[in-house]
Amino acid sequence: VGFIGALVDHKAPWTLAEAMPIVRRSLPGARAVYVGEGEERPRIEAVAAANPGTVHLAGWRDDVADCYAAFDLFVMPSKLEG
């Protein structure tokens, strides 16, 4: 499950990390991959630490098209965006 974007509050990126334990009940091998950086990275890291193996933070990458192609599912959580 992939997310690409700024790790900022209005995008609520931590919600994906928080959902992963629920997702893994049905899909035990699932993990979330974050591409991007931002002020909410520590919050995501804290959620990831509580659920080892569920979240990978890839940081900033220039090969975004390849990242999209590698995901089985793209998720775009947000508080504001449609």
PDB file of N, CA and C in Angstrom:
ATOM      1  N   VAL A   1       0.868  -1.165   0.000  1.00  0.00           N
ATOM      2  CA  VAL A   1       0.000   0.000   0.000  1.00  0.00           C
ATOM      3  C   VAL A   1       0.906   1.216   0.000  1.00  0.00           C
ATOM      4  N   GLY A   2       0.753   2.107  -0.973  1.00  0.00           N
ATOM      5  CA  GLY A   2       1.661   3.231  -1.087  1.00  0.00           C
ATOM      6  C   GLY A   2       1.022   4.587  -0.901  1.00  0.00           C
ATOM      7  N   PHE A   3       1.835   5.498  -0.404  1.00  0.00           N
ATOM      8  CA  PHE A   3       1.479   6.908  -0.271  1.00  0.00           C
ATOM      9  C   PHE A   3       2.628   7.709  -0.847  1.00  0.00           C
ATOM     10  N   ILE A   4       2.322   8.680  -1.684  1.00  0.00           N
ATOM     11  CA  ILE A   4       3.327   9.607  -2.208  1.00  0.00           C
ATOM     12  C   ILE A   4       2.821  11.005  -1.958  1.00  0.00           C
ATOM     13  N   GLY A   5       3.614  11.802  -1.260  1.00  0.00           N
ATOM     14  CA  GLY A   5       3.228  13.178  -0.991  1.00  0.00           C
ATOM     15  C   GLY A   5       3.993  13.739   0.187  1.00  0.00           C
ATOM     16  N   ALA A   6       3.684  14.978   0.480  1.00  0.00           N
ATOM     17  CA  ALA A   6       4.293  15.634   1.624  1.00  0.00           C
ATOM     18  C   ALA A   6       3.718  15.051   2.911  1.00  0.00           C
ATOM     19  N   LEU A   7       4.569  14.772   3.857  1.00  0.00           N
ATOM     20  CA  LEU A   7       4.135  14.247   5.157  1.00  0.00           C
ATOM     21  C   LEU A   7       3.800  15.431   6.056  1.00  0.00           C
ATOM     22  N   VAL A   8       2.646  16.027   5.782  1.00  0.00           N
ATOM     23  CA  VAL A   8       2.210  17.230   6.496  1.00  0.00           C
ATOM     24  C   VAL A   8       0.824  17.003   7.100  1.00  0.00           C
ATOM     25  N   ASP A   9       0.484  17.809   8.080  1.00  0.00           N
ATOM     26  CA  ASP A   9      -0.735  17.616   8.858  1.00  0.00           C
ATOM     27  C   ASP A   9      -2.001  17.529   8.006  1.00  0.00           C
ATOM     28  N   HIS A  10      -2.180  18.451   7.060  1.00  0.00           N
ATOM     29  CA  HIS A  10      -3.457  18.459   6.331  1.00  0.00           C
ATOM     30  C   HIS A  10      -3.650  17.223   5.448  1.00  0.00           C
ATOM     31  N   LYS A  11      -2.588  16.480   5.185  1.00  0.00           N
ATOM     32  CA  LYS A  11      -2.718  15.235   4.423  1.00  0.00           C
ATOM     33  C   LYS A  11      -2.983  14.030   5.334  1.00  0.00           C
ATOM     34  N   ALA A  12      -2.838  14.201   6.640  1.00  0.00           N
ATOM     35  CA  ALA A  12      -3.101  13.131   7.619  1.00  0.00           C
ATOM     36  C   ALA A  12      -2.429  11.810   7.246  1.00  0.00           C
ATOM     37  N   PRO A  13      -1.138  11.839   6.908  1.00  0.00           N
ATOM     38  CA  PRO A  13      -0.496  10.614   6.434  1.00  0.00           C
ATOM     39  C   PRO A  13      -0.390   9.508   7.478  1.00  0.00           C
ATOM     40  N   TRP A  14      -0.447   9.849   8.743  1.00  0.00           N
ATOM     41  CA  TRP A  14      -0.341   8.849   9.810  1.00  0.00           C
ATOM     42  C   TRP A  14      -1.532   7.897   9.817  1.00  0.00           C
ATOM     43  N   THR A  15      -2.660   8.306   9.224  1.00  0.00           N
ATOM     44  CA  THR A  15      -3.848   7.450   9.259  1.00  0.00           C
ATOM     45  C   THR A  15      -3.614   6.122   8.534  1.00  0.00           C
ATOM     46  N   LEU A  16      -2.794   6.137   7.499  1.00  0.00           N
ATOM     47  CA  LEU A  16      -2.469   4.894   6.811  1.00  0.00           C
ATOM     48  C   LEU A  16      -1.679   3.977   7.740  1.00  0.00           C
ATOM     49  N   ALA A  17      -0.676   4.510   8.410  1.00  0.00           N
ATOM     50  CA  ALA A  17       0.124   3.699   9.337  1.00  0.00           C
ATOM     51  C   ALA A  17      -0.748   3.138  10.459  1.00  0.00           C
ATOM     52  N   GLU A  18      -1.664   3.946  10.954  1.00  0.00           N
ATOM     53  CA  GLU A  18      -2.555   3.491  12.024  1.00  0.00           C
ATOM     54  C   GLU A  18      -3.502   2.393  11.548  1.00  0.00           C
ATOM     55  N   ALA A  19      -3.837   2.406  10.269  1.00  0.00           N
ATOM     56  CA  ALA A  19      -4.763   1.412   9.724  1.00  0.00           C
ATOM     57  C   ALA A  19      -4.090   0.075   9.406  1.00  0.00           C
ATOM     58  N   MET A  20      -2.776   0.062   9.295  1.00  0.00           N
ATOM     59  CA  MET A  20      -2.099  -1.145   8.847  1.00  0.00           C
ATOM     60  C   MET A  20      -2.317  -2.378   9.730  1.00  0.00           C
ATOM     61  N   PRO A  21      -2.383  -2.273  11.054  1.00  0.00           N
ATOM     62  CA  PRO A  21      -2.679  -3.481  11.836  1.00  0.00           C
ATOM     63  C   PRO A  21      -4.040  -4.100  11.476  1.00  0.00           C
ATOM     64  N   ILE A  22      -5.008  -3.258  11.143  1.00  0.00           N
ATOM     65  CA  ILE A  22      -6.323  -3.758  10.721  1.00  0.00           C
ATOM     66  C   ILE A  22      -6.215  -4.416   9.344  1.00  0.00           C
ATOM     67  N   VAL A  23      -5.509  -3.770   8.431  1.00  0.00           N
ATOM     68  CA  VAL A  23      -5.316  -4.323   7.086  1.00  0.00           C
ATOM     69  C   VAL A  23      -4.629  -5.681   7.174  1.00  0.00           C
ATOM     70  N   ARG A  24      -3.630  -5.785   8.052  1.00  0.00           N
ATOM     71  CA  ARG A  24      -2.844  -7.020   8.146  1.00  0.00           C
ATOM     72  C   ARG A  24      -3.628  -8.189   8.741  1.00  0.00           C
ATOM     73  N   ARG A  25      -4.758  -7.930   9.348  1.00  0.00           N
ATOM     74  CA  ARG A  25      -5.606  -9.040   9.803  1.00  0.00           C
ATOM     75  C   ARG A  25      -6.092  -9.862   8.615  1.00  0.00           C
ATOM     76  N   SER A  26      -6.383  -9.178   7.514  1.00  0.00           N
ATOM     77  CA  SER A  26      -6.838  -9.858   6.302  1.00  0.00           C
ATOM     78  C   SER A  26      -5.701 -10.147   5.332  1.00  0.00           C
ATOM     79  N   LEU A  27      -4.699  -9.300   5.335  1.00  0.00           N
ATOM     80  CA  LEU A  27      -3.554  -9.430   4.426  1.00  0.00           C
ATOM     81  C   LEU A  27      -2.266  -9.375   5.248  1.00  0.00           C
ATOM     82  N   PRO A  28      -1.868 -10.477   5.859  1.00  0.00           N
ATOM     83  CA  PRO A  28      -0.742 -10.480   6.799  1.00  0.00           C
ATOM     84  C   PRO A  28       0.577  -9.943   6.238  1.00  0.00           C
ATOM     85  N   GLY A  29       0.778 -10.046   4.936  1.00  0.00           N
ATOM     86  CA  GLY A  29       2.025  -9.568   4.345  1.00  0.00           C
ATOM     87  C   GLY A  29       2.002  -8.115   3.912  1.00  0.00           C
ATOM     88  N   ALA A  30       0.896  -7.450   4.102  1.00  0.00           N
ATOM     89  CA  ALA A  30       0.769  -6.058   3.632  1.00  0.00           C
ATOM     90  C   ALA A  30       1.674  -5.134   4.429  1.00  0.00           C
ATOM     91  N   ARG A  31       2.168  -4.115   3.734  1.00  0.00           N
ATOM     92  CA  ARG A  31       2.895  -3.057   4.431  1.00  0.00           C
ATOM     93  C   ARG A  31       2.685  -1.748   3.690  1.00  0.00           C
ATOM     94  N   ALA A  32       2.828  -0.670   4.434  1.00  0.00           N
ATOM     95  CA  ALA A  32       2.666   0.670   3.870  1.00  0.00           C
ATOM     96  C   ALA A  32       4.038   1.218   3.503  1.00  0.00           C
ATOM     97  N   VAL A  33       4.116   1.850   2.341  1.00  0.00           N
ATOM     98  CA  VAL A  33       5.354   2.484   1.894  1.00  0.00           C
ATOM     99  C   VAL A  33       5.045   3.963   1.671  1.00  0.00           C
ATOM    100  N   TYR A  34       5.814   4.800   2.348  1.00  0.00           N
ATOM    101  CA  TYR A  34       5.670   6.248   2.221  1.00  0.00           C
ATOM    102  C   TYR A  34       6.805   6.806   1.384  1.00  0.00           C
ATOM    103  N   VAL A  35       6.464   7.587   0.370  1.00  0.00           N
ATOM    104  CA  VAL A  35       7.447   8.309  -0.427  1.00  0.00           C
ATOM    105  C   VAL A  35       7.178   9.785  -0.196  1.00  0.00           C
ATOM    106  N   GLY A  36       8.139  10.466   0.403  1.00  0.00           N
ATOM    107  CA  GLY A  36       7.996  11.885   0.705  1.00  0.00           C
ATOM    108  C   GLY A  36       8.605  12.199   2.052  1.00  0.00           C
ATOM    109  N   GLU A  37       8.666  13.460   2.344  1.00  0.00           N
ATOM    110  CA  GLU A  37       9.217  13.946   3.610  1.00  0.00           C
ATOM    111  C   GLU A  37       8.314  15.036   4.154  1.00  0.00           C
ATOM    112  N   GLY A  38       8.456  15.320   5.435  1.00  0.00           N
ATOM    113  CA  GLY A  38       7.699  16.410   6.029  1.00  0.00           C
ATOM    114  C   GLY A  38       7.649  16.320   7.532  1.00  0.00           C
ATOM    115  N   GLU A  39       7.013  17.296   8.114  1.00  0.00           N
ATOM    116  CA  GLU A  39       6.969  17.474   9.563  1.00  0.00           C
ATOM    117  C   GLU A  39       6.267  16.344  10.307  1.00  0.00           C
ATOM    118  N   GLU A  40       5.437  15.570   9.624  1.00  0.00           N
ATOM    119  CA  GLU A  40       4.712  14.475  10.273  1.00  0.00           C
ATOM    120  C   GLU A  40       5.470  13.152  10.252  1.00  0.00           C
ATOM    121  N   ARG A  41       6.682  13.146   9.710  1.00  0.00           N
ATOM    122  CA  ARG A  41       7.470  11.908   9.677  1.00  0.00           C
ATOM    123  C   ARG A  41       7.663  11.304  11.071  1.00  0.00           C
ATOM    124  N   PRO A  42       8.019  12.088  12.098  1.00  0.00           N
ATOM    125  CA  PRO A  42       8.187  11.487  13.429  1.00  0.00           C
ATOM    126  C   PRO A  42       6.916  10.806  13.948  1.00  0.00           C
ATOM    127  N   ARG A  43       5.781  11.374  13.650  1.00  0.00           N
ATOM    128  CA  ARG A  43       4.515  10.758  14.094  1.00  0.00           C
ATOM    129  C   ARG A  43       4.309   9.404  13.413  1.00  0.00           C
ATOM    130  N   ILE A  44       4.618   9.337  12.133  1.00  0.00           N
ATOM    131  CA  ILE A  44       4.497   8.080  11.395  1.00  0.00           C
ATOM    132  C   ILE A  44       5.523   7.080  11.914  1.00  0.00           C
ATOM    133  N   GLU A  45       6.734   7.541  12.182  1.00  0.00           N
ATOM    134  CA  GLU A  45       7.767   6.657  12.731  1.00  0.00           C
ATOM    135  C   GLU A  45       7.339   6.070  14.076  1.00  0.00           C
ATOM    136  N   ALA A  46       6.672   6.865  14.896  1.00  0.00           N
ATOM    137  CA  ALA A  46       6.205   6.371  16.197  1.00  0.00           C
ATOM    138  C   ALA A  46       5.157   5.274  16.026  1.00  0.00           C
ATOM    139  N   VAL A  47       4.231   5.471  15.095  1.00  0.00           N
ATOM    140  CA  VAL A  47       3.221   4.446  14.824  1.00  0.00           C
ATOM    141  C   VAL A  47       3.902   3.197  14.269  1.00  0.00           C
ATOM    142  N   ALA A  48       4.873   3.389  13.386  1.00  0.00           N
ATOM    143  CA  ALA A  48       5.598   2.264  12.794  1.00  0.00           C
ATOM    144  C   ALA A  48       6.359   1.479  13.859  1.00  0.00           C
ATOM    145  N   ALA A  49       6.942   2.171  14.811  1.00  0.00           N
ATOM    146  CA  ALA A  49       7.705   1.505  15.870  1.00  0.00           C
ATOM    147  C   ALA A  49       6.812   0.612  16.722  1.00  0.00           C
ATOM    148  N   ALA A  50       5.567   1.011  16.880  1.00  0.00           N
ATOM    149  CA  ALA A  50       4.617   0.217  17.661  1.00  0.00           C
ATOM    150  C   ALA A  50       4.095  -0.990  16.878  1.00  0.00           C
ATOM    151  N   ASN A  51       4.308  -0.995  15.570  1.00  0.00           N
ATOM    152  CA  ASN A  51       3.837  -2.069  14.688  1.00  0.00           C
ATOM    153  C   ASN A  51       4.960  -2.480  13.732  1.00  0.00           C
ATOM    154  N   PRO A  52       6.009  -3.126  14.242  1.00  0.00           N
ATOM    155  CA  PRO A  52       7.181  -3.445  13.417  1.00  0.00           C
ATOM    156  C   PRO A  52       6.823  -4.201  12.135  1.00  0.00           C
ATOM    157  N   GLY A  53       7.506  -3.821  11.062  1.00  0.00           N
ATOM    158  CA  GLY A  53       7.321  -4.497   9.783  1.00  0.00           C
ATOM    159  C   GLY A  53       6.130  -4.046   8.968  1.00  0.00           C
ATOM    160  N   THR A  54       5.392  -3.076   9.465  1.00  0.00           N
ATOM    161  CA  THR A  54       4.184  -2.654   8.740  1.00  0.00           C
ATOM    162  C   THR A  54       4.375  -1.406   7.894  1.00  0.00           C
ATOM    163  N   VAL A  55       5.410  -0.619   8.192  1.00  0.00           N
ATOM    164  CA  VAL A  55       5.583   0.673   7.526  1.00  0.00           C
ATOM    165  C   VAL A  55       7.040   0.851   7.095  1.00  0.00           C
ATOM    166  N   HIS A  56       7.233   1.344   5.873  1.00  0.00           N
ATOM    167  CA  HIS A  56       8.560   1.686   5.372  1.00  0.00           C
ATOM    168  C   HIS A  56       8.517   3.133   4.901  1.00  0.00           C
ATOM    169  N   LEU A  57       9.427   3.949   5.399  1.00  0.00           N
ATOM    170  CA  LEU A  57       9.519   5.347   4.972  1.00  0.00           C
ATOM    171  C   LEU A  57      10.693   5.471   4.001  1.00  0.00           C
ATOM    172  N   ALA A  58      10.376   5.646   2.725  1.00  0.00           N
ATOM    173  CA  ALA A  58      11.395   5.681   1.680  1.00  0.00           C
ATOM    174  C   ALA A  58      12.018   7.060   1.513  1.00  0.00           C
ATOM    175  N   GLY A  59      11.415   8.090   2.103  1.00  0.00           N
ATOM    176  CA  GLY A  59      11.951   9.441   1.959  1.00  0.00           C
ATOM    177  C   GLY A  59      11.633  10.034   0.599  1.00  0.00           C
ATOM    178  N   TRP A  60      12.378  11.088   0.271  1.00  0.00           N
ATOM    179  CA  TRP A  60      12.181  11.783  -1.000  1.00  0.00           C
ATOM    180  C   TRP A  60      12.784  10.948  -2.116  1.00  0.00           C
ATOM    181  N   ARG A  61      12.058  10.800  -3.218  1.00  0.00           N
ATOM    182  CA  ARG A  61      12.547  10.045  -4.373  1.00  0.00           C
ATOM    183  C   ARG A  61      12.182  10.778  -5.645  1.00  0.00           C
ATOM    184  N   ASP A  62      13.043  10.625  -6.644  1.00  0.00           N
ATOM    185  CA  ASP A  62      12.793  11.228  -7.949  1.00  0.00           C
ATOM    186  C   ASP A  62      12.068  10.291  -8.910  1.00  0.00           C
ATOM    187  N   ASP A  63      12.000   9.005  -8.572  1.00  0.00           N
ATOM    188  CA  ASP A  63      11.403   8.017  -9.470  1.00  0.00           C
ATOM    189  C   ASP A  63       9.954   7.714  -9.087  1.00  0.00           C
ATOM    190  N   VAL A  64       9.165   8.760  -8.976  1.00  0.00           N
ATOM    191  CA  VAL A  64       7.783   8.630  -8.505  1.00  0.00           C
ATOM    192  C   VAL A  64       6.949   7.723  -9.410  1.00  0.00           C
ATOM    193  N   ALA A  65       7.125   7.812 -10.707  1.00  0.00           N
ATOM    194  CA  ALA A  65       6.349   6.951 -11.619  1.00  0.00           C
ATOM    195  C   ALA A  65       6.642   5.477 -11.336  1.00  0.00           C
ATOM    196  N   ASP A  66       7.886   5.156 -11.071  1.00  0.00           N
ATOM    197  CA  ASP A  66       8.246   3.772 -10.744  1.00  0.00           C
ATOM    198  C   ASP A  66       7.636   3.355  -9.413  1.00  0.00           C
ATOM    199  N   CYS A  67       7.569   4.272  -8.476  1.00  0.00           N
ATOM    200  CA  CYS A  67       6.962   3.969  -7.169  1.00  0.00           C
ATOM    201  C   CYS A  67       5.476   3.661  -7.333  1.00  0.00           C
ATOM    202  N   TYR A  68       4.775   4.504  -8.085  1.00  0.00           N
ATOM    203  CA  TYR A  68       3.347   4.237  -8.345  1.00  0.00           C
ATOM    204  C   TYR A  68       3.176   2.849  -8.968  1.00  0.00           C
ATOM    205  N   ALA A  69       4.014   2.526  -9.924  1.00  0.00           N
ATOM    206  CA  ALA A  69       3.909   1.240 -10.623  1.00  0.00           C
ATOM    207  C   ALA A  69       4.172   0.065  -9.685  1.00  0.00           C
ATOM    208  N   ALA A  70       4.977   0.268  -8.662  1.00  0.00           N
ATOM    209  CA  ALA A  70       5.317  -0.808  -7.731  1.00  0.00           C
ATOM    210  C   ALA A  70       4.229  -1.068  -6.692  1.00  0.00           C
ATOM    211  N   PHE A  71       3.362  -0.092  -6.461  1.00  0.00           N
ATOM    212  CA  PHE A  71       2.301  -0.261  -5.467  1.00  0.00           C
ATOM    213  C   PHE A  71       1.184  -1.150  -6.004  1.00  0.00           C
ATOM    214  N   ASP A  72       0.627  -1.962  -5.128  1.00  0.00           N
ATOM    215  CA  ASP A  72      -0.596  -2.683  -5.466  1.00  0.00           C
ATOM    216  C   ASP A  72      -1.809  -1.787  -5.254  1.00  0.00           C
ATOM    217  N   LEU A  73      -1.660  -0.841  -4.336  1.00  0.00           N
ATOM    218  CA  LEU A  73      -2.748   0.065  -3.982  1.00  0.00           C
ATOM    219  C   LEU A  73      -2.145   1.399  -3.569  1.00  0.00           C
ATOM    220  N   PHE A  74      -2.692   2.500  -4.070  1.00  0.00           N
ATOM    221  CA  PHE A  74      -2.271   3.843  -3.660  1.00  0.00           C
ATOM    222  C   PHE A  74      -3.339   4.430  -2.742  1.00  0.00           C
ATOM    223  N   VAL A  75      -2.900   5.047  -1.662  1.00  0.00           N
ATOM    224  CA  VAL A  75      -3.807   5.666  -0.709  1.00  0.00           C
ATOM    225  C   VAL A  75      -3.450   7.138  -0.567  1.00  0.00           C
ATOM    226  N   MET A  76      -4.459   8.008  -0.571  1.00  0.00           N
ATOM    227  CA  MET A  76      -4.224   9.431  -0.399  1.00  0.00           C
ATOM    228  C   MET A  76      -5.113   9.959   0.717  1.00  0.00           C
ATOM    229  N   PRO A  77      -4.700   9.750   1.975  1.00  0.00           N
ATOM    230  CA  PRO A  77      -5.490  10.325   3.071  1.00  0.00           C
ATOM    231  C   PRO A  77      -5.353  11.841   3.063  1.00  0.00           C
ATOM    232  N   SER A  78      -6.362  12.520   3.521  1.00  0.00           N
ATOM    233  CA  SER A  78      -6.309  13.978   3.567  1.00  0.00           C
ATOM    234  C   SER A  78      -7.454  14.523   4.409  1.00  0.00           C
ATOM    235  N   LYS A  79      -7.187  15.604   5.094  1.00  0.00           N
ATOM    236  CA  LYS A  79      -8.234  16.314   5.825  1.00  0.00           C
ATOM    237  C   LYS A  79      -8.954  17.321   4.932  1.00  0.00           C
ATOM    238  N   LEU A  80      -8.292  17.774   3.854  1.00  0.00           N
ATOM    239  CA  LEU A  80      -8.824  18.872   3.051  1.00  0.00           C
ATOM    240  C   LEU A  80      -9.061  18.538   1.596  1.00  0.00           C
ATOM    241  N   GLU A  81      -8.229  17.708   1.020  1.00  0.00           N
ATOM    242  CA  GLU A  81      -8.274  17.478  -0.416  1.00  0.00           C
ATOM    243  C   GLU A  81      -9.392  16.503  -0.774  1.00  0.00           C
ATOM    244  N   GLY A  82      -9.968  16.708  -1.939  1.00  0.00           N
ATOM    245  CA  GLY A  82     -11.053  15.844  -2.400  1.00  0.00           C
ATOM    246  C   GLY A  82     -10.580  14.527  -2.945  1.00  0.00           C
TER     247      GLY A  82
END
